[in-house]
Amino acid sequence: MGVLILFTALVSVGLTAPADGPFSIAITPVFFRLDATAIAESRARALGFDVDIKIGSMHMHFGWSAVPISSLTTSRAAPLL
């Protein structure tokens, strides 16, 4: 029970903290991301969100998408004969 309370408190403080503070959490909705860098790094996606967590000098980035565009392909592999 205590871990749940601690986790909730950290998330609440992180979401309301300023972006330049020592601890912050930012959640950004992503409607459509399709640029050259995102395609090259397999990060092209639609209908998702990005989560940025900053603790001191450490920065973590997580992304989730309902429609990962980078995994969609139009070419098929040739069958082996």
Protein backbone atom coordinates (compact mmCIF):
# COMPACT_ATOMS: atom_id res chain seq x y z
CA MET A 1 0.00 0.00 0.00
CA GLY A 2 2.86 2.36 0.84
CA VAL A 3 4.51 1.78 -2.56
CA LEU A 4 1.27 2.73 -4.30
CA ILE A 5 1.03 5.95 -2.29
CA LEU A 6 4.69 6.79 -3.01
CA PHE A 7 4.27 6.10 -6.75
CA THR A 8 1.13 8.27 -6.90
CA ALA A 9 2.89 11.10 -5.07
CA LEU A 10 5.92 10.97 -7.40
CA VAL A 11 3.75 11.01 -10.51
CA SER A 12 1.64 13.88 -9.16
CA VAL A 13 4.71 15.97 -8.30
CA GLY A 14 6.43 15.11 -11.60
CA LEU A 15 3.43 16.10 -13.73
CA THR A 16 3.01 19.46 -12.01
CA ALA A 17 6.74 20.34 -11.78
CA PRO A 18 8.27 22.93 -14.13
CA ALA A 19 10.12 21.52 -17.14
CA ASP A 20 13.46 22.95 -16.01
CA GLY A 21 13.15 21.55 -12.46
CA PRO A 22 15.22 18.63 -11.12
CA PHE A 23 12.30 16.18 -11.48
CA SER A 24 9.61 16.38 -14.12
CA ILE A 25 7.30 14.17 -16.15
CA ALA A 26 5.85 15.39 -19.46
CA ILE A 27 3.18 13.52 -21.42
CA THR A 28 2.63 14.71 -25.00
CA PRO A 29 -0.08 13.34 -27.29
CA VAL A 30 1.09 12.40 -30.79
CA PHE A 31 -1.51 12.52 -33.53
CA PHE A 32 0.83 11.80 -36.44
CA ARG A 33 4.65 11.70 -36.55
CA LEU A 34 6.07 11.11 -39.99
CA ASP A 35 9.35 12.89 -40.62
CA ALA A 36 12.65 11.66 -42.09
CA THR A 37 14.32 11.22 -38.71
CA ALA A 38 11.38 9.29 -37.25
CA ILE A 39 11.28 6.98 -40.26
CA ALA A 40 15.03 6.36 -40.15
CA GLU A 41 14.91 5.52 -36.43
CA SER A 42 11.68 3.45 -36.71
CA ARG A 43 9.74 5.96 -34.60
CA ALA A 44 7.05 6.88 -37.15
CA ARG A 45 3.64 6.49 -35.51
CA ALA A 46 0.09 7.71 -35.29
CA LEU A 47 -2.38 8.06 -32.41
CA GLY A 48 -0.04 7.67 -29.47
CA PHE A 49 1.80 9.59 -26.79
CA ASP A 50 5.34 10.42 -25.71
CA VAL A 51 6.43 10.36 -22.07
CA ASP A 52 9.55 12.25 -21.01
CA ILE A 53 10.88 11.68 -17.49
CA LYS A 54 13.72 13.84 -16.16
CA ILE A 55 15.45 13.08 -12.88
CA GLY A 56 18.44 15.36 -12.33
CA SER A 57 20.72 15.01 -15.36
CA MET A 58 19.15 11.69 -16.46
CA HIS A 59 16.50 11.90 -19.19
CA MET A 60 14.28 8.98 -20.25
CA HIS A 61 11.91 8.97 -23.19
CA PHE A 62 9.13 6.45 -23.82
CA GLY A 63 6.73 6.39 -26.75
CA TRP A 64 3.60 4.36 -27.32
CA SER A 65 1.45 4.21 -30.43
CA ALA A 66 -1.82 2.58 -31.32
CA VAL A 67 -0.72 2.53 -34.98
CA PRO A 68 3.04 2.01 -35.43
CA ILE A 69 3.58 3.18 -38.98
CA SER A 70 7.21 2.04 -39.07
CA SER A 71 6.19 -1.63 -38.81
CA LEU A 72 3.90 -1.39 -41.83
CA THR A 73 5.51 -2.47 -45.09
CA THR A 74 4.28 -2.65 -48.65
CA SER A 75 6.88 -5.07 -49.98
CA ARG A 76 6.81 -8.82 -49.53
CA ALA A 77 9.77 -11.08 -49.24
CA ALA A 78 10.34 -13.33 -52.20
CA PRO A 79 9.41 -16.94 -51.52
CA LEU A 80 12.26 -19.41 -51.21
CA LEU A 81 12.13 -22.12 -53.87
